[in-house]
Protein backbone atom coordinates (compact mmCIF):
# COMPACT_ATOMS: atom_id res chain seq x y z
CA MET A 1 9.77 -120.35 52.37
CA TRP A 2 6.81 -121.72 54.35
CA LEU A 3 4.96 -118.39 53.99
CA ILE A 4 5.49 -118.33 50.20
CA LEU A 5 4.11 -121.87 50.00
CA ALA A 6 1.10 -120.78 52.09
CA PHE A 7 0.35 -117.93 49.63
CA MET A 8 0.71 -120.28 46.64
CA SER A 9 -1.63 -122.75 48.36
CA ALA A 10 -4.17 -119.97 48.83
CA ALA A 11 -4.12 -119.06 45.13
CA PHE A 12 -4.62 -122.67 44.02
CA LEU A 13 -7.33 -123.15 46.64
CA GLY A 14 -9.25 -120.16 45.27
CA ILE A 15 -9.15 -121.64 41.76
CA TYR A 16 -10.24 -125.00 43.21
CA ASP A 17 -13.32 -123.42 44.85
CA SER A 18 -14.24 -121.69 41.59
CA LEU A 19 -13.92 -124.85 39.50
CA LYS A 20 -15.92 -126.74 42.12
CA LYS A 21 -18.75 -124.23 41.77
CA LYS A 22 -18.73 -124.73 37.99
CA ALA A 23 -18.66 -128.52 38.27
CA LEU A 24 -21.59 -128.55 40.71
CA LYS A 25 -23.90 -126.40 38.60
CA ASN A 26 -27.07 -128.47 37.88
CA ASN A 27 -25.08 -131.60 38.66
CA ALA A 28 -25.23 -134.51 41.14
CA VAL A 29 -23.01 -133.90 44.17
CA ILE A 30 -22.04 -137.40 45.29
CA PRO A 31 -20.62 -138.62 41.90
CA ILE A 32 -18.58 -135.43 41.59
CA LEU A 33 -17.17 -135.82 45.08
CA PHE A 34 -16.36 -139.47 44.35
CA LEU A 35 -14.57 -138.56 41.12
CA ASN A 36 -12.65 -135.80 42.88
CA THR A 37 -11.37 -138.23 45.51
CA LEU A 38 -10.66 -140.83 42.79
CA PHE A 39 -8.61 -138.47 40.63
CA SER A 40 -6.75 -137.15 43.68
CA SER A 41 -5.94 -140.73 44.71
CA LEU A 42 -4.67 -141.55 41.23
CA LEU A 43 -2.36 -138.50 41.37
CA PHE A 44 -0.68 -139.78 44.53
CA LEU A 45 -0.77 -143.53 43.88
CA PRO A 46 2.44 -143.50 41.78
CA PHE A 47 4.29 -141.76 44.65
CA ILE A 48 3.14 -144.48 47.08
CA VAL A 49 4.16 -147.31 44.74
CA LEU A 50 7.53 -145.78 43.80
CA SER A 51 8.35 -145.01 47.42
CA ALA A 52 7.51 -148.54 48.53
CA THR A 53 9.24 -150.44 45.68
CA THR A 54 12.17 -148.25 44.58
CA GLN A 55 14.64 -145.67 45.86
CA VAL A 56 13.83 -143.14 43.12
CA LEU A 57 12.00 -140.76 45.46
CA ASP A 58 14.27 -141.17 48.47
CA ASP A 59 15.37 -137.80 49.91
CA THR A 60 12.87 -135.88 47.76
CA VAL A 61 9.75 -133.93 48.76
CA PHE A 62 7.62 -136.58 47.01
CA HIS A 63 8.74 -139.57 49.08
CA VAL A 64 5.87 -141.30 50.95
CA ALA A 65 6.88 -142.86 54.24
CA SER A 66 5.55 -146.31 55.19
CA GLY A 67 3.87 -147.24 58.43
CA GLY A 68 1.47 -149.66 60.06
CA TRP A 69 -1.94 -149.33 61.65
CA GLU A 70 -0.52 -147.23 64.52
CA MET A 71 -0.01 -144.46 61.94
CA HIS A 72 -2.82 -145.15 59.51
CA LYS A 73 -5.48 -144.94 62.22
CA TYR A 74 -4.69 -141.23 62.56
CA ILE A 75 -4.90 -140.74 58.78
CA LEU A 76 -8.22 -142.58 58.66
CA LEU A 77 -9.63 -140.18 61.24
CA LYS A 78 -8.26 -137.28 59.15
CA SER A 79 -10.14 -138.69 56.16
CA LEU A 80 -13.43 -138.82 58.09
CA ILE A 81 -13.04 -135.24 59.25
CA VAL A 82 -12.16 -133.84 55.83
CA LEU A 83 -14.82 -135.85 54.02
CA SER A 84 -17.48 -134.60 56.48
CA SER A 85 -16.41 -131.04 55.65
CA TRP A 86 -16.42 -131.73 51.91
CA VAL A 87 -19.88 -133.36 51.84
CA LEU A 88 -21.40 -130.42 53.72
CA GLY A 89 -19.43 -127.88 51.70
CA TYR A 90 -20.24 -129.37 48.27
CA PHE A 91 -23.99 -129.48 48.94
CA GLY A 92 -23.94 -125.96 50.37
CA MET A 93 -21.87 -124.50 47.56
CA LYS A 94 -24.13 -126.00 44.92
CA HIS A 95 -27.09 -123.96 46.19
CA LEU A 96 -25.41 -120.74 47.31
CA PRO A 97 -23.53 -117.92 45.56
CA LEU A 98 -19.72 -118.21 45.60
CA THR A 99 -19.55 -114.65 46.94
CA ILE A 100 -21.49 -115.83 50.03
CA VAL A 101 -19.67 -119.14 50.51
CA GLY A 102 -16.16 -117.64 50.23
CA PRO A 103 -16.40 -115.13 53.10
CA ILE A 104 -18.01 -117.74 55.38
CA ASN A 105 -15.15 -120.15 54.66
CA ALA A 106 -12.70 -117.33 55.33
CA THR A 107 -13.77 -117.34 59.00
CA ARG A 108 -12.03 -120.71 59.53
CA PRO A 109 -8.87 -119.17 61.02
CA VAL A 110 -11.07 -117.65 63.75
CA MET A 111 -12.49 -121.08 64.48
CA VAL A 112 -8.95 -122.51 64.54
CA LEU A 113 -7.94 -119.87 67.10
CA VAL A 114 -10.99 -120.58 69.23
CA GLY A 115 -10.21 -124.28 69.00
CA ALA A 116 -6.62 -123.64 70.04
CA LEU A 117 -8.01 -121.61 72.94
CA LEU A 118 -10.32 -124.42 74.07
CA PHE A 119 -8.24 -127.52 73.36
CA PHE A 120 -4.58 -126.46 73.41
CA GLY A 121 -4.83 -123.95 76.26
CA GLU A 122 -3.65 -121.06 74.08
CA ARG A 123 -4.54 -117.50 75.06
CA LEU A 124 -5.63 -114.80 72.64
CA ASN A 125 -4.01 -111.38 72.81
CA MET A 126 -5.69 -108.05 72.09
CA TRP A 127 -4.91 -108.16 68.34
CA GLN A 128 -6.35 -111.64 68.02
CA TRP A 129 -9.52 -110.73 69.92
CA ILE A 130 -10.05 -107.76 67.56
CA GLY A 131 -9.63 -110.13 64.61
CA VAL A 132 -12.20 -112.51 66.08
CA LEU A 133 -14.71 -109.70 66.67
CA LEU A 134 -14.25 -108.34 63.13
CA ALA A 135 -14.89 -111.82 61.70
CA VAL A 136 -18.04 -112.19 63.78
CA ALA A 137 -19.21 -108.73 62.65
CA SER A 138 -18.54 -109.61 59.01
CA PHE A 139 -20.66 -112.77 59.35
CA PHE A 140 -23.66 -110.76 60.58
CA LEU A 141 -23.22 -108.20 57.81
CA LEU A 142 -22.96 -111.04 55.28
CA SER A 143 -26.29 -112.37 56.54
CA ARG A 144 -27.84 -108.96 55.74
CA SER A 145 -26.35 -109.07 52.25
CA GLY A 146 -27.72 -112.57 51.79
CA LYS A 147 -31.25 -111.44 52.62
CA LYS A 148 -31.23 -109.25 49.52
CA GLU A 149 -30.89 -112.46 47.49
CA GLY A 150 -33.54 -114.32 49.47
CA ILE A 151 -31.05 -116.16 51.69
CA ASP A 152 -32.10 -116.25 55.34
CA PHE A 153 -29.05 -117.23 57.42
CA LYS A 154 -31.25 -118.28 60.36
CA HIS A 155 -33.42 -120.72 58.42
CA ASP A 156 -31.44 -121.69 55.31
CA HIS A 157 -30.11 -125.23 55.74
CA TRP A 158 -27.57 -124.68 52.94
CA ILE A 159 -26.03 -121.94 55.10
CA TYR A 160 -25.91 -124.37 58.01
CA MET A 161 -24.08 -126.82 55.77
CA ILE A 162 -21.45 -124.24 54.77
CA VAL A 163 -20.98 -123.24 58.41
CA GLY A 164 -20.73 -126.91 59.35
CA ALA A 165 -18.16 -127.42 56.61
CA ALA A 166 -16.15 -124.46 57.90
CA ILE A 167 -16.26 -125.85 61.46
CA MET A 168 -15.10 -129.30 60.31
CA GLY A 169 -12.42 -127.62 58.23
CA ALA A 170 -11.19 -125.83 61.35
CA VAL A 171 -11.17 -129.12 63.23
CA SER A 172 -9.08 -130.58 60.39
CA GLY A 173 -6.64 -127.68 60.66
CA LEU A 174 -6.18 -128.24 64.39
CA TYR A 175 -5.79 -131.97 63.79
CA ASP A 176 -3.14 -131.26 61.14
CA LYS A 177 -1.15 -129.40 63.78
CA TYR A 178 -1.31 -132.46 66.00
CA LEU A 179 -0.41 -134.87 63.16
CA MET A 180 2.57 -132.84 61.90
CA ALA A 181 4.03 -131.86 65.25
CA PRO A 182 6.97 -134.08 66.33
CA SER A 183 6.36 -136.52 69.16
CA ALA A 184 8.74 -134.50 71.37
CA GLU A 185 6.20 -131.64 71.19
CA GLY A 186 3.17 -133.82 71.90
CA GLY A 187 2.27 -134.56 68.28
CA VAL A 188 2.27 -137.73 66.18
CA GLY A 189 5.08 -136.69 63.84
CA LEU A 190 3.58 -138.19 60.69
CA ASP A 191 5.19 -137.77 57.27
CA ARG A 192 3.24 -135.10 55.33
CA MET A 193 3.21 -137.04 52.04
CA MET A 194 1.99 -140.12 53.85
CA VAL A 195 -0.91 -138.15 55.28
CA GLN A 196 -1.90 -136.46 51.99
CA SER A 197 -1.52 -139.59 49.84
CA TRP A 198 -3.38 -142.02 52.06
CA TYR A 199 -6.18 -139.75 53.26
CA ASN A 200 -7.20 -139.27 49.63
CA ILE A 201 -7.30 -143.02 49.08
CA TYR A 202 -9.33 -143.61 52.24
CA GLN A 203 -11.77 -140.88 51.19
CA CYS A 204 -12.16 -142.47 47.78
CA GLY A 205 -13.17 -145.74 49.41
CA MET A 206 -15.68 -143.99 51.66
CA MET A 207 -17.17 -142.08 48.72
CA LEU A 208 -17.47 -145.29 46.68
CA VAL A 209 -19.61 -146.78 49.47
CA MET A 210 -21.76 -143.59 49.54
CA LEU A 211 -22.08 -143.67 45.75
CA LEU A 212 -23.25 -147.29 45.67
CA LEU A 213 -25.51 -147.21 48.72
CA LEU A 214 -26.94 -143.67 48.74
CA TRP A 215 -26.83 -142.23 45.21
CA TRP A 216 -27.01 -145.09 42.71
CA PRO A 217 -30.30 -146.68 43.94
CA LYS A 218 -32.07 -143.31 43.56
CA HIS A 219 -30.04 -141.73 40.73
CA GLU A 220 -32.92 -141.86 38.22
CA SER A 221 -35.15 -139.74 40.49
CA THR A 222 -32.56 -137.24 41.64
CA THR A 223 -30.39 -134.62 39.94
CA PRO A 224 -28.68 -136.37 37.00
CA PHE A 225 -24.91 -136.49 36.69
CA HIS A 226 -23.19 -135.02 33.64
CA TRP A 227 -19.49 -134.87 32.90
CA GLU A 228 -17.62 -131.58 33.37
CA TRP A 229 -13.92 -131.14 32.66
CA ALA A 230 -13.86 -128.83 35.67
CA ILE A 231 -14.05 -132.00 37.82
CA VAL A 232 -10.50 -132.91 36.79
CA GLY A 233 -9.37 -129.37 37.54
CA VAL A 234 -10.91 -129.57 41.01
CA SER A 235 -8.75 -132.59 41.89
CA LEU A 236 -5.60 -131.15 40.31
CA PHE A 237 -5.78 -127.74 41.96
CA LEU A 238 -6.87 -129.11 45.33
CA SER A 239 -4.05 -131.69 45.39
CA THR A 240 -1.51 -129.00 44.47
CA ALA A 241 -2.88 -126.60 47.10
CA ASP A 242 -2.83 -129.30 49.79
CA PHE A 243 0.68 -130.39 48.80
CA MET A 244 1.96 -126.85 49.31
CA TYR A 245 -0.02 -126.58 52.55
CA PHE A 246 1.36 -129.78 54.06
CA TYR A 247 4.87 -128.94 52.82
CA SER A 248 4.59 -125.53 54.47
CA LEU A 249 3.48 -127.08 57.78
CA SER A 250 6.34 -129.57 57.70
CA LEU A 251 8.98 -126.81 57.73
CA PRO A 252 10.45 -126.13 61.20
CA SER A 253 9.49 -122.46 61.58
CA ALA A 254 5.93 -122.77 60.17
CA MET A 255 3.11 -121.38 62.30
CA ILE A 256 -0.26 -123.13 61.85
CA SER A 257 -2.21 -120.02 62.84
CA VAL A 258 -0.48 -117.90 60.16
CA VAL A 259 -0.59 -120.64 57.50
CA SER A 260 -4.31 -121.14 58.16
CA MET A 261 -5.01 -117.40 57.80
CA VAL A 262 -2.95 -116.98 54.61
CA ARG A 263 -4.63 -120.03 53.09
CA ARG A 264 -8.03 -118.44 53.64
CA GLY A 265 -6.86 -115.60 51.41
CA SER A 266 -8.16 -117.91 48.66
CA VAL A 267 -11.48 -116.13 49.18
CA ILE A 268 -10.15 -113.21 47.11
CA VAL A 269 -9.64 -115.45 44.09
CA SER A 270 -13.02 -117.19 44.45
CA PHE A 271 -14.77 -113.84 45.03
CA LEU A 272 -13.30 -112.48 41.78
CA PHE A 273 -14.41 -115.61 39.92
CA GLY A 274 -17.91 -115.22 41.36
CA ALA A 275 -18.04 -111.63 40.16
CA LEU A 276 -16.45 -112.00 36.74
CA PHE A 277 -17.53 -115.46 35.54
CA PHE A 278 -20.68 -116.29 37.49
CA HIS A 279 -22.05 -112.71 37.42
CA GLU A 280 -23.28 -112.88 41.01
CA LYS A 281 -25.27 -110.01 42.53
CA ASN A 282 -24.97 -107.47 45.36
CA LEU A 283 -21.21 -107.35 45.02
CA LYS A 284 -20.58 -103.98 46.67
CA ALA A 285 -22.10 -105.02 50.00
CA LYS A 286 -20.38 -108.42 49.85
CA ALA A 287 -17.06 -106.76 49.02
CA PHE A 288 -17.37 -104.67 52.21
CA ASP A 289 -18.14 -107.81 54.21
CA LEU A 290 -15.16 -109.55 52.62
CA ALA A 291 -12.94 -106.54 53.48
CA LEU A 292 -13.93 -106.93 57.12
CA VAL A 293 -12.99 -110.61 57.02
CA LEU A 294 -9.61 -109.78 55.51
CA LEU A 295 -9.07 -107.00 58.04
CA GLY A 296 -9.84 -109.49 60.78
CA MET A 297 -7.28 -111.88 59.28
CA LEU A 298 -4.71 -109.06 59.28
CA PHE A 299 -5.28 -108.47 62.99
CA LEU A 300 -4.98 -112.23 63.59
CA TYR A 301 -1.71 -112.25 61.69
CA ILE A 302 -0.31 -109.32 63.68
CA GLY A 303 -1.37 -110.97 66.93
CA SER A 304 0.15 -114.30 65.94
CA ARG A 305 3.62 -112.99 65.05
């Protein structure tokens, strides 16, 4: 069941990335990110209210547990990590082809494994090392493909932003493992709906501050904001993808390393969108690079079983 949920999360995440690219085209980043966090918060607010005031959602997958500062401080940190990844990722995606961004994001499972190696004392086996090396090789090949479109991986700050977003995303994945693991196993043991509901609300508050202090005073001299219905789709598909992701992690037999790898399969969906709807270039070379990433993920999967 948890693996099926992981695959469904990957599909929705791929659509989310594609809609995000459409929403960001010639548009202001900060207002879009604020609206995304706002709509996501509004989706989960009814679950928080109903869980706190009624028994309607008791014993259902939509019930939001309650807790004090000792729990919310962990969720607040989760919000900071995710929002850092989103800010970097949104700015980078706006200025780069989706067929470049997707494969870079797909290397996150490798970063998660390296993080597990450094911080949780895990050891990589031969299969996992092969997966890591294939992912590294695909990144260098992707940089060669990018040069054909005038993108220099060594000096392009948008590339640095996407890589930074991927790193922060990997940190978030490792932190999720810590948050979801029961206290008997060294984790916090937080309720998954509590995490997803409240971290969206905290992010919305942070983005409102950024909107008012950073964007609004200069909005007349920067890229103007215009409404796109894709903005609503971004929130809807991301919230659904994250719901399935957290639900998958909450199941007893779920493996964070496998879930993280399957979730990155979203790159296939976003790559197809980039090719079919955004008519991006140099697809054959990028498809080979993407195949290497997916092959690396396969080796990681085999090594993590």
